[in-house]
PDB file of N, CA and C in Angstrom:
ATOM      1  N   MET A   1      43.295  60.347 121.036  1.00  0.00           N
ATOM      2  CA  MET A   1      43.409  59.998 119.643  1.00  0.00           C
ATOM      3  C   MET A   1      44.787  60.376 119.110  1.00  0.00           C
ATOM      4  N   SER A   2      45.326  61.481 119.570  1.00  0.00           N
ATOM      5  CA  SER A   2      46.640  61.896 119.081  1.00  0.00           C
ATOM      6  C   SER A   2      47.726  60.942 119.557  1.00  0.00           C
ATOM      7  N   ILE A   3      47.559  60.384 120.750  1.00  0.00           N
ATOM      8  CA  ILE A   3      48.548  59.431 121.250  1.00  0.00           C
ATOM      9  C   ILE A   3      48.504  58.147 120.432  1.00  0.00           C
ATOM     10  N   SER A   4      47.309  57.684 120.067  1.00  0.00           N
ATOM     11  CA  SER A   4      47.222  56.478 119.242  1.00  0.00           C
ATOM     12  C   SER A   4      47.771  56.725 117.846  1.00  0.00           C
ATOM     13  N   SER A   5      47.628  57.945 117.329  1.00  0.00           N
ATOM     14  CA  SER A   5      48.228  58.275 116.037  1.00  0.00           C
ATOM     15  C   SER A   5      49.745  58.217 116.109  1.00  0.00           C
ATOM     16  N   GLY A   6      50.290  58.718 117.205  1.00  0.00           N
ATOM     17  CA  GLY A   6      51.741  58.685 117.382  1.00  0.00           C
ATOM     18  C   GLY A   6      52.257  57.290 117.588  1.00  0.00           C
ATOM     19  N   ILE A   7      51.526  56.464 118.319  1.00  0.00           N
ATOM     20  CA  ILE A   7      51.948  55.078 118.530  1.00  0.00           C
ATOM     21  C   ILE A   7      51.920  54.311 117.217  1.00  0.00           C
ATOM     22  N   ASN A   8      50.955  54.628 116.367  1.00  0.00           N
ATOM     23  CA  ASN A   8      50.866  53.989 115.060  1.00  0.00           C
ATOM     24  C   ASN A   8      52.139  54.221 114.252  1.00  0.00           C
ATOM     25  N   ALA A   9      52.687  55.413 114.321  1.00  0.00           N
ATOM     26  CA  ALA A   9      53.891  55.727 113.560  1.00  0.00           C
ATOM     27  C   ALA A   9      55.166  55.323 114.289  1.00  0.00           C
ATOM     28  N   GLU A  10      55.098  55.165 115.594  1.00  0.00           N
ATOM     29  CA  GLU A  10      56.293  54.876 116.397  1.00  0.00           C
ATOM     30  C   GLU A  10      56.904  53.526 116.052  1.00  0.00           C
ATOM     31  N   TYR A  11      56.099  52.552 115.694  1.00  0.00           N
ATOM     32  CA  TYR A  11      56.600  51.204 115.482  1.00  0.00           C
ATOM     33  C   TYR A  11      56.822  50.870 114.005  1.00  0.00           C
ATOM     34  N   GLY A  12      56.819  51.858 113.141  1.00  0.00           N
ATOM     35  CA  GLY A  12      57.059  51.624 111.720  1.00  0.00           C
ATOM     36  C   GLY A  12      58.538  51.511 111.417  1.00  0.00           C
ATOM     37  N   GLN A  13      58.863  50.853 110.291  1.00  0.00           N
ATOM     38  CA  GLN A  13      60.253  50.785 109.861  1.00  0.00           C
ATOM     39  C   GLN A  13      60.599  52.082 109.151  1.00  0.00           C
ATOM     40  N   LEU A  14      61.877  52.283 108.874  1.00  0.00           N
ATOM     41  CA  LEU A  14      62.317  53.571 108.353  1.00  0.00           C
ATOM     42  C   LEU A  14      62.341  53.658 106.836  1.00  0.00           C
ATOM     43  N   GLU A  15      61.797  52.686 106.125  1.00  0.00           N
ATOM     44  CA  GLU A  15      61.835  52.751 104.669  1.00  0.00           C
ATOM     45  C   GLU A  15      60.436  53.000 104.119  1.00  0.00           C
ATOM     46  N   LYS A  16      59.961  52.125 103.259  1.00  0.00           N
ATOM     47  CA  LYS A  16      58.638  52.297 102.668  1.00  0.00           C
ATOM     48  C   LYS A  16      57.543  52.210 103.717  1.00  0.00           C
ATOM     49  N   ASP A  17      57.758  51.369 104.697  1.00  0.00           N
ATOM     50  CA  ASP A  17      56.749  51.237 105.750  1.00  0.00           C
ATOM     51  C   ASP A  17      56.617  52.534 106.542  1.00  0.00           C
ATOM     52  N   ALA A  18      57.724  53.225 106.758  1.00  0.00           N
ATOM     53  CA  ALA A  18      57.681  54.484 107.507  1.00  0.00           C
ATOM     54  C   ALA A  18      56.923  55.546 106.725  1.00  0.00           C
ATOM     55  N   LEU A  19      57.137  55.588 105.430  1.00  0.00           N
ATOM     56  CA  LEU A  19      56.426  56.552 104.602  1.00  0.00           C
ATOM     57  C   LEU A  19      54.931  56.269 104.620  1.00  0.00           C
ATOM     58  N   ARG A  20      54.564  55.004 104.536  1.00  0.00           N
ATOM     59  CA  ARG A  20      53.157  54.627 104.585  1.00  0.00           C
ATOM     60  C   ARG A  20      52.556  54.934 105.957  1.00  0.00           C
ATOM     61  N   ASP A  21      53.318  54.706 107.023  1.00  0.00           N
ATOM     62  CA  ASP A  21      52.831  55.001 108.365  1.00  0.00           C
ATOM     63  C   ASP A  21      52.617  56.500 108.561  1.00  0.00           C
ATOM     64  N   ILE A  22      53.562  57.291 108.092  1.00  0.00           N
ATOM     65  CA  ILE A  22      53.455  58.741 108.249  1.00  0.00           C
ATOM     66  C   ILE A  22      52.287  59.284 107.424  1.00  0.00           C
ATOM     67  N   SER A  23      52.123  58.803 106.192  1.00  0.00           N
ATOM     68  CA  SER A  23      51.002  59.285 105.392  1.00  0.00           C
ATOM     69  C   SER A  23      49.676  58.845 105.988  1.00  0.00           C
ATOM     70  N   GLY A  24      49.625  57.663 106.577  1.00  0.00           N
ATOM     71  CA  GLY A  24      48.409  57.228 107.262  1.00  0.00           C
ATOM     72  C   GLY A  24      48.114  58.083 108.480  1.00  0.00           C
ATOM     73  N   CYS A  25      49.144  58.444 109.212  1.00  0.00           N
ATOM     74  CA  CYS A  25      48.955  59.317 110.380  1.00  0.00           C
ATOM     75  C   CYS A  25      48.520  60.710 109.960  1.00  0.00           C
ATOM     76  N   LEU A  26      49.085  61.225 108.877  1.00  0.00           N
ATOM     77  CA  LEU A  26      48.671  62.538 108.393  1.00  0.00           C
ATOM     78  C   LEU A  26      47.216  62.527 107.940  1.00  0.00           C
ATOM     79  N   PHE A  27      46.786  61.428 107.307  1.00  0.00           N
ATOM     80  CA  PHE A  27      45.379  61.303 106.938  1.00  0.00           C
ATOM     81  C   PHE A  27      44.498  61.308 108.180  1.00  0.00           C
ATOM     82  N   LEU A  28      44.898  60.579 109.204  1.00  0.00           N
ATOM     83  CA  LEU A  28      44.126  60.529 110.439  1.00  0.00           C
ATOM     84  C   LEU A  28      44.069  61.890 111.114  1.00  0.00           C
ATOM     85  N   ILE A  29      45.161  62.632 111.075  1.00  0.00           N
ATOM     86  CA  ILE A  29      45.184  63.970 111.674  1.00  0.00           C
ATOM     87  C   ILE A  29      44.205  64.890 110.950  1.00  0.00           C
ATOM     88  N   VAL A  30      44.235  64.890 109.628  1.00  0.00           N
ATOM     89  CA  VAL A  30      43.320  65.744 108.864  1.00  0.00           C
ATOM     90  C   VAL A  30      41.875  65.330 109.116  1.00  0.00           C
ATOM     91  N   TYR A  31      41.633  64.042 109.170  1.00  0.00           N
ATOM     92  CA  TYR A  31      40.289  63.522 109.413  1.00  0.00           C
ATOM     93  C   TYR A  31      39.776  63.950 110.786  1.00  0.00           C
ATOM     94  N   MET A  32      40.603  63.796 111.819  1.00  0.00           N
ATOM     95  CA  MET A  32      40.179  64.136 113.172  1.00  0.00           C
ATOM     96  C   MET A  32      39.971  65.646 113.335  1.00  0.00           C
ATOM     97  N   LEU A  33      40.817  66.456 112.725  1.00  0.00           N
ATOM     98  CA  LEU A  33      40.664  67.900 112.860  1.00  0.00           C
ATOM     99  C   LEU A  33      39.441  68.413 112.110  1.00  0.00           C
ATOM    100  N   SER A  34      39.099  67.794 110.993  1.00  0.00           N
ATOM    101  CA  SER A  34      37.880  68.216 110.298  1.00  0.00           C
ATOM    102  C   SER A  34      36.637  67.798 111.070  1.00  0.00           C
ATOM    103  N   LEU A  35      36.673  66.632 111.692  1.00  0.00           N
ATOM    104  CA  LEU A  35      35.530  66.209 112.492  1.00  0.00           C
ATOM    105  C   LEU A  35      35.400  67.019 113.775  1.00  0.00           C
ATOM    106  N   PHE A  36      36.494  67.537 114.286  1.00  0.00           N
ATOM    107  CA  PHE A  36      36.452  68.365 115.482  1.00  0.00           C
ATOM    108  C   PHE A  36      35.557  69.577 115.272  1.00  0.00           C
ATOM    109  N   GLY A  37      35.709  70.239 114.152  1.00  0.00           N
ATOM    110  CA  GLY A  37      34.890  71.413 113.868  1.00  0.00           C
ATOM    111  C   GLY A  37      33.428  71.074 113.671  1.00  0.00           C
ATOM    112  N   VAL A  38      33.168  69.953 113.017  1.00  0.00           N
ATOM    113  CA  VAL A  38      31.782  69.555 112.773  1.00  0.00           C
ATOM    114  C   VAL A  38      31.088  69.169 114.071  1.00  0.00           C
ATOM    115  N   PHE A  39      31.720  68.318 114.871  1.00  0.00           N
ATOM    116  CA  PHE A  39      31.096  67.861 116.104  1.00  0.00           C
ATOM    117  C   PHE A  39      30.952  68.979 117.126  1.00  0.00           C
ATOM    118  N   ASN A  40      31.835  69.936 117.093  1.00  0.00           N
ATOM    119  CA  ASN A  40      31.733  71.068 118.008  1.00  0.00           C
ATOM    120  C   ASN A  40      30.442  71.835 117.749  1.00  0.00           C
ATOM    121  N   ASN A  41      30.118  72.068 116.492  1.00  0.00           N
ATOM    122  CA  ASN A  41      28.895  72.793 116.160  1.00  0.00           C
ATOM    123  C   ASN A  41      27.649  71.939 116.362  1.00  0.00           C
ATOM    124  N   ILE A  42      27.726  70.668 116.078  1.00  0.00           N
ATOM    125  CA  ILE A  42      26.571  69.785 116.233  1.00  0.00           C
ATOM    126  C   ILE A  42      26.170  69.668 117.701  1.00  0.00           C
ATOM    127  N   GLN A  43      27.124  69.623 118.597  1.00  0.00           N
ATOM    128  CA  GLN A  43      26.821  69.458 120.014  1.00  0.00           C
ATOM    129  C   GLN A  43      26.323  70.750 120.656  1.00  0.00           C
ATOM    130  N   VAL A  44      26.739  71.896 120.182  1.00  0.00           N
ATOM    131  CA  VAL A  44      26.401  73.153 120.834  1.00  0.00           C
ATOM    132  C   VAL A  44      25.027  73.668 120.420  1.00  0.00           C
ATOM    133  N   LEU A  45      24.679  73.564 119.165  1.00  0.00           N
ATOM    134  CA  LEU A  45      23.444  74.173 118.676  1.00  0.00           C
ATOM    135  C   LEU A  45      22.186  73.633 119.360  1.00  0.00           C
ATOM    136  N   PRO A  46      21.983  72.334 119.511  1.00  0.00           N
ATOM    137  CA  PRO A  46      20.745  71.879 120.175  1.00  0.00           C
ATOM    138  C   PRO A  46      20.634  72.319 121.637  1.00  0.00           C
ATOM    139  N   THR A  47      21.744  72.453 122.330  1.00  0.00           N
ATOM    140  CA  THR A  47      21.673  72.870 123.732  1.00  0.00           C
ATOM    141  C   THR A  47      21.371  74.355 123.884  1.00  0.00           C
ATOM    142  N   GLU A  48      21.782  75.163 122.925  1.00  0.00           N
ATOM    143  CA  GLU A  48      21.565  76.608 123.016  1.00  0.00           C
ATOM    144  C   GLU A  48      20.346  77.092 122.246  1.00  0.00           C
ATOM    145  N   LEU A  49      19.699  76.225 121.495  1.00  0.00           N
ATOM    146  CA  LEU A  49      18.579  76.655 120.662  1.00  0.00           C
ATOM    147  C   LEU A  49      17.407  77.212 121.472  1.00  0.00           C
ATOM    148  N   PRO A  50      16.952  76.576 122.557  1.00  0.00           N
ATOM    149  CA  PRO A  50      15.837  77.171 123.316  1.00  0.00           C
ATOM    150  C   PRO A  50      16.171  78.556 123.889  1.00  0.00           C
ATOM    151  N   LEU A  51      17.371  78.724 124.378  1.00  0.00           N
ATOM    152  CA  LEU A  51      17.795  80.025 124.895  1.00  0.00           C
ATOM    153  C   LEU A  51      17.827  81.067 123.781  1.00  0.00           C
ATOM    154  N   PHE A  52      18.357  80.680 122.628  1.00  0.00           N
ATOM    155  CA  PHE A  52      18.436  81.612 121.503  1.00  0.00           C
ATOM    156  C   PHE A  52      17.050  82.023 121.031  1.00  0.00           C
ATOM    157  N   VAL A  53      16.139  81.067 120.911  1.00  0.00           N
ATOM    158  CA  VAL A  53      14.785  81.379 120.438  1.00  0.00           C
ATOM    159  C   VAL A  53      14.082  82.319 121.417  1.00  0.00           C
ATOM    160  N   ARG A  54      14.220  82.063 122.707  1.00  0.00           N
ATOM    161  CA  ARG A  54      13.585  82.918 123.712  1.00  0.00           C
ATOM    162  C   ARG A  54      14.142  84.340 123.668  1.00  0.00           C
ATOM    163  N   GLU A  55      15.449  84.480 123.584  1.00  0.00           N
ATOM    164  CA  GLU A  55      16.046  85.809 123.592  1.00  0.00           C
ATOM    165  C   GLU A  55      15.854  86.538 122.269  1.00  0.00           C
ATOM    166  N   TYR A  56      15.813  85.806 121.166  1.00  0.00           N
ATOM    167  CA  TYR A  56      15.571  86.450 119.865  1.00  0.00           C
ATOM    168  C   TYR A  56      14.126  86.934 119.772  1.00  0.00           C
ATOM    169  N   SER A  57      13.198  86.132 120.261  1.00  0.00           N
ATOM    170  CA  SER A  57      11.791  86.543 120.193  1.00  0.00           C
ATOM    171  C   SER A  57      11.491  87.719 121.115  1.00  0.00           C
ATOM    172  N   SER A  58      12.251  87.871 122.201  1.00  0.00           N
ATOM    173  CA  SER A  58      12.046  89.022 123.087  1.00  0.00           C
ATOM    174  C   SER A  58      12.775  90.270 122.588  1.00  0.00           C
ATOM    175  N   GLY A  59      13.577  90.134 121.535  1.00  0.00           N
ATOM    176  CA  GLY A  59      14.264  91.288 120.949  1.00  0.00           C
ATOM    177  C   GLY A  59      15.563  91.642 121.637  1.00  0.00           C
ATOM    178  N   THR A  60      16.150  90.708 122.370  1.00  0.00           N
ATOM    179  CA  THR A  60      17.391  90.984 123.087  1.00  0.00           C
ATOM    180  C   THR A  60      18.543  91.226 122.114  1.00  0.00           C
ATOM    181  N   TYR A  61      18.675  90.379 121.122  1.00  0.00           N
ATOM    182  CA  TYR A  61      19.713  90.574 120.116  1.00  0.00           C
ATOM    183  C   TYR A  61      19.298  89.904 118.814  1.00  0.00           C
ATOM    184  N   SER A  62      20.031  90.246 117.753  1.00  0.00           N
ATOM    185  CA  SER A  62      19.699  89.710 116.433  1.00  0.00           C
ATOM    186  C   SER A  62      20.445  88.412 116.162  1.00  0.00           C
ATOM    187  N   ILE A  63      20.114  87.789 115.060  1.00  0.00           N
ATOM    188  CA  ILE A  63      20.767  86.533 114.679  1.00  0.00           C
ATOM    189  C   ILE A  63      22.242  86.775 114.385  1.00  0.00           C
ATOM    190  N   SER A  64      22.552  87.869 113.694  1.00  0.00           N
ATOM    191  CA  SER A  64      23.951  88.143 113.354  1.00  0.00           C
ATOM    192  C   SER A  64      24.789  88.412 114.603  1.00  0.00           C
ATOM    193  N   ALA A  65      24.216  89.098 115.585  1.00  0.00           N
ATOM    194  CA  ALA A  65      24.964  89.354 116.820  1.00  0.00           C
ATOM    195  C   ALA A  65      25.239  88.050 117.554  1.00  0.00           C
ATOM    196  N   TRP A  66      24.271  87.152 117.588  1.00  0.00           N
ATOM    197  CA  TRP A  66      24.465  85.857 118.244  1.00  0.00           C
ATOM    198  C   TRP A  66      25.543  85.045 117.529  1.00  0.00           C
ATOM    199  N   TYR A  67      25.485  85.026 116.192  1.00  0.00           N
ATOM    200  CA  TYR A  67      26.451  84.238 115.421  1.00  0.00           C
ATOM    201  C   TYR A  67      27.867  84.782 115.584  1.00  0.00           C
ATOM    202  N   ILE A  68      28.028  86.084 115.517  1.00  0.00           N
ATOM    203  CA  ILE A  68      29.362  86.682 115.653  1.00  0.00           C
ATOM    204  C   ILE A  68      29.922  86.433 117.052  1.00  0.00           C
ATOM    205  N   ALA A  69      29.086  86.607 118.069  1.00  0.00           N
ATOM    206  CA  ALA A  69      29.540  86.353 119.438  1.00  0.00           C
ATOM    207  C   ALA A  69      29.916  84.891 119.625  1.00  0.00           C
ATOM    208  N   LYS A  70      29.120  83.985 119.077  1.00  0.00           N
ATOM    209  CA  LYS A  70      29.401  82.552 119.193  1.00  0.00           C
ATOM    210  C   LYS A  70      30.707  82.194 118.477  1.00  0.00           C
ATOM    211  N   ALA A  71      30.926  82.767 117.312  1.00  0.00           N
ATOM    212  CA  ALA A  71      32.156  82.490 116.563  1.00  0.00           C
ATOM    213  C   ALA A  71      33.378  83.022 117.301  1.00  0.00           C
ATOM    214  N   LEU A  72      33.284  84.208 117.883  1.00  0.00           N
ATOM    215  CA  LEU A  72      34.420  84.777 118.612  1.00  0.00           C
ATOM    216  C   LEU A  72      34.723  84.011 119.894  1.00  0.00           C
ATOM    217  N   ILE A  73      33.697  83.500 120.544  1.00  0.00           N
ATOM    218  CA  ILE A  73      33.902  82.720 121.765  1.00  0.00           C
ATOM    219  C   ILE A  73      34.638  81.412 121.453  1.00  0.00           C
ATOM    220  N   GLU A  74      34.369  80.818 120.309  1.00  0.00           N
ATOM    221  CA  GLU A  74      34.950  79.523 119.961  1.00  0.00           C
ATOM    222  C   GLU A  74      36.348  79.615 119.350  1.00  0.00           C
ATOM    223  N   VAL A  75      36.825  80.797 119.052  1.00  0.00           N
ATOM    224  CA  VAL A  75      38.145  80.948 118.423  1.00  0.00           C
ATOM    225  C   VAL A  75      39.271  80.358 119.278  1.00  0.00           C
ATOM    226  N   PRO A  76      39.362  80.649 120.578  1.00  0.00           N
ATOM    227  CA  PRO A  76      40.456  80.046 121.348  1.00  0.00           C
ATOM    228  C   PRO A  76      40.423  78.516 121.359  1.00  0.00           C
ATOM    229  N   ALA A  77      39.246  77.938 121.500  1.00  0.00           N
ATOM    230  CA  ALA A  77      39.152  76.475 121.508  1.00  0.00           C
ATOM    231  C   ALA A  77      39.507  75.889 120.145  1.00  0.00           C
ATOM    232  N   CYS A  78      39.166  76.586 119.079  1.00  0.00           N
ATOM    233  CA  CYS A  78      39.471  76.095 117.739  1.00  0.00           C
ATOM    234  C   CYS A  78      40.948  76.233 117.397  1.00  0.00           C
ATOM    235  N   ILE A  79      41.686  76.998 118.166  1.00  0.00           N
ATOM    236  CA  ILE A  79      43.128  77.143 117.941  1.00  0.00           C
ATOM    237  C   ILE A  79      43.923  76.279 118.914  1.00  0.00           C
ATOM    238  N   ILE A  80      43.564  76.314 120.183  1.00  0.00           N
ATOM    239  CA  ILE A  80      44.363  75.638 121.213  1.00  0.00           C
ATOM    240  C   ILE A  80      44.241  74.112 121.131  1.00  0.00           C
ATOM    241  N   LEU A  81      43.032  73.587 121.005  1.00  0.00           N
ATOM    242  CA  LEU A  81      42.870  72.130 120.981  1.00  0.00           C
ATOM    243  C   LEU A  81      43.542  71.464 119.772  1.00  0.00           C
ATOM    244  N   PRO A  82      43.374  71.980 118.543  1.00  0.00           N
ATOM    245  CA  PRO A  82      44.125  71.383 117.440  1.00  0.00           C
ATOM    246  C   PRO A  82      45.644  71.542 117.570  1.00  0.00           C
ATOM    247  N   LEU A  83      46.091  72.635 118.181  1.00  0.00           N
ATOM    248  CA  LEU A  83      47.526  72.828 118.391  1.00  0.00           C
ATOM    249  C   LEU A  83      48.082  71.765 119.338  1.00  0.00           C
ATOM    250  N   ILE A  84      47.373  71.487 120.413  1.00  0.00           N
ATOM    251  CA  ILE A  84      47.803  70.440 121.344  1.00  0.00           C
ATOM    252  C   ILE A  84      47.801  69.081 120.651  1.00  0.00           C
ATOM    253  N   PHE A  85      46.748  68.799 119.884  1.00  0.00           N
ATOM    254  CA  PHE A  85      46.655  67.545 119.136  1.00  0.00           C
ATOM    255  C   PHE A  85      47.843  67.394 118.181  1.00  0.00           C
ATOM    256  N   ASN A  86      48.157  68.471 117.444  1.00  0.00           N
ATOM    257  CA  ASN A  86      49.264  68.417 116.487  1.00  0.00           C
ATOM    258  C   ASN A  86      50.620  68.304 117.170  1.00  0.00           C
ATOM    259  N   LEU A  87      50.793  68.961 118.305  1.00  0.00           N
ATOM    260  CA  LEU A  87      52.062  68.852 119.034  1.00  0.00           C
ATOM    261  C   LEU A  87      52.317  67.417 119.482  1.00  0.00           C
ATOM    262  N   ILE A  88      51.297  66.784 120.034  1.00  0.00           N
ATOM    263  CA  ILE A  88      51.460  65.399 120.484  1.00  0.00           C
ATOM    264  C   ILE A  88      51.774  64.496 119.301  1.00  0.00           C
ATOM    265  N   CYS A  89      51.018  64.634 118.226  1.00  0.00           N
ATOM    266  CA  CYS A  89      51.239  63.783 117.046  1.00  0.00           C
ATOM    267  C   CYS A  89      52.603  64.023 116.423  1.00  0.00           C
ATOM    268  N   TYR A  90      52.999  65.285 116.302  1.00  0.00           N
ATOM    269  CA  TYR A  90      54.258  65.601 115.628  1.00  0.00           C
ATOM    270  C   TYR A  90      55.445  64.974 116.347  1.00  0.00           C
ATOM    271  N   PHE A  91      55.500  65.132 117.653  1.00  0.00           N
ATOM    272  CA  PHE A  91      56.665  64.635 118.388  1.00  0.00           C
ATOM    273  C   PHE A  91      56.639  63.122 118.561  1.00  0.00           C
ATOM    274  N   MET A  92      55.505  62.477 118.326  1.00  0.00           N
ATOM    275  CA  MET A  92      55.464  61.015 118.369  1.00  0.00           C
ATOM    276  C   MET A  92      55.702  60.400 116.991  1.00  0.00           C
ATOM    277  N   ILE A  93      55.326  61.093 115.940  1.00  0.00           N
ATOM    278  CA  ILE A  93      55.424  60.530 114.592  1.00  0.00           C
ATOM    279  C   ILE A  93      56.830  60.685 114.015  1.00  0.00           C
ATOM    280  N   PHE A  94      57.370  61.879 114.048  1.00  0.00           N
ATOM    281  CA  PHE A  94      58.631  62.135 113.365  1.00  0.00           C
ATOM    282  C   PHE A  94      59.814  61.835 114.274  1.00  0.00           C
ATOM    283  N   LYS A  95      60.833  61.210 113.700  1.00  0.00           N
ATOM    284  CA  LYS A  95      62.003  60.762 114.468  1.00  0.00           C
ATOM    285  C   LYS A  95      62.957  61.901 114.805  1.00  0.00           C
ATOM    286  N   ASP A  96      62.855  63.020 114.097  1.00  0.00           N
ATOM    287  CA  ASP A  96      63.725  64.173 114.342  1.00  0.00           C
ATOM    288  C   ASP A  96      62.882  65.327 114.871  1.00  0.00           C
ATOM    289  N   PRO A  97      62.489  65.266 116.141  1.00  0.00           N
ATOM    290  CA  PRO A  97      61.538  66.259 116.662  1.00  0.00           C
ATOM    291  C   PRO A  97      62.212  67.581 117.014  1.00  0.00           C
ATOM    292  N   MET A  98      62.379  68.421 116.036  1.00  0.00           N
ATOM    293  CA  MET A  98      62.935  69.751 116.284  1.00  0.00           C
ATOM    294  C   MET A  98      61.799  70.761 116.216  1.00  0.00           C
ATOM    295  N   ILE A  99      61.757  71.660 117.185  1.00  0.00           N
ATOM    296  CA  ILE A  99      60.673  72.637 117.247  1.00  0.00           C
ATOM    297  C   ILE A  99      60.713  73.591 116.053  1.00  0.00           C
ATOM    298  N   THR A 100      61.912  73.823 115.495  1.00  0.00           N
ATOM    299  CA  THR A 100      61.998  74.724 114.321  1.00  0.00           C
ATOM    300  C   THR A 100      61.337  74.097 113.098  1.00  0.00           C
ATOM    301  N   LYS A 101      61.389  72.778 112.969  1.00  0.00           N
ATOM    302  CA  LYS A 101      60.716  72.118 111.852  1.00  0.00           C
ATOM    303  C   LYS A 101      59.205  72.111 112.039  1.00  0.00           C
ATOM    304  N   PHE A 102      58.761  72.061 113.294  1.00  0.00           N
ATOM    305  CA  PHE A 102      57.326  72.083 113.577  1.00  0.00           C
ATOM    306  C   PHE A 102      56.710  73.433 113.222  1.00  0.00           C
ATOM    307  N   LEU A 103      57.430  74.494 113.536  1.00  0.00           N
ATOM    308  CA  LEU A 103      56.914  75.836 113.283  1.00  0.00           C
ATOM    309  C   LEU A 103      57.016  76.142 111.808  1.00  0.00           C
TER     310      LEU A 103
END
C-alpha cells in the first residue's frame, strides 16, 4: 500500500496538482495507519479468546495482567511497521528526500 501511495504522488505535476497529490497521499497514509491499529486488534482477539477464558477461569492471571502483557508485546510492531510504511511513502512522495527533513 505504501508503494502505491508513493506511485500516486510520483507522477503528479509540481504545481497545484502536486499539492493535491501530496494531500491525497497524506490522507491515505493517515487512513491506513488508523486502520492498522483497528485491524490488528480485531484479528488477534478472536484467536486468543478461548485461551484467555480457559486461563482466566483457572486463576492463572487477571484481566489487567493479560491486557498489559498484550499491549507491551504489540509495542514493537506498532512502532516498526508504521515507520517502514512512512519511510517508503516519504521517499516516494517528496521530491527532496532528505533524512533530516523526515526526522
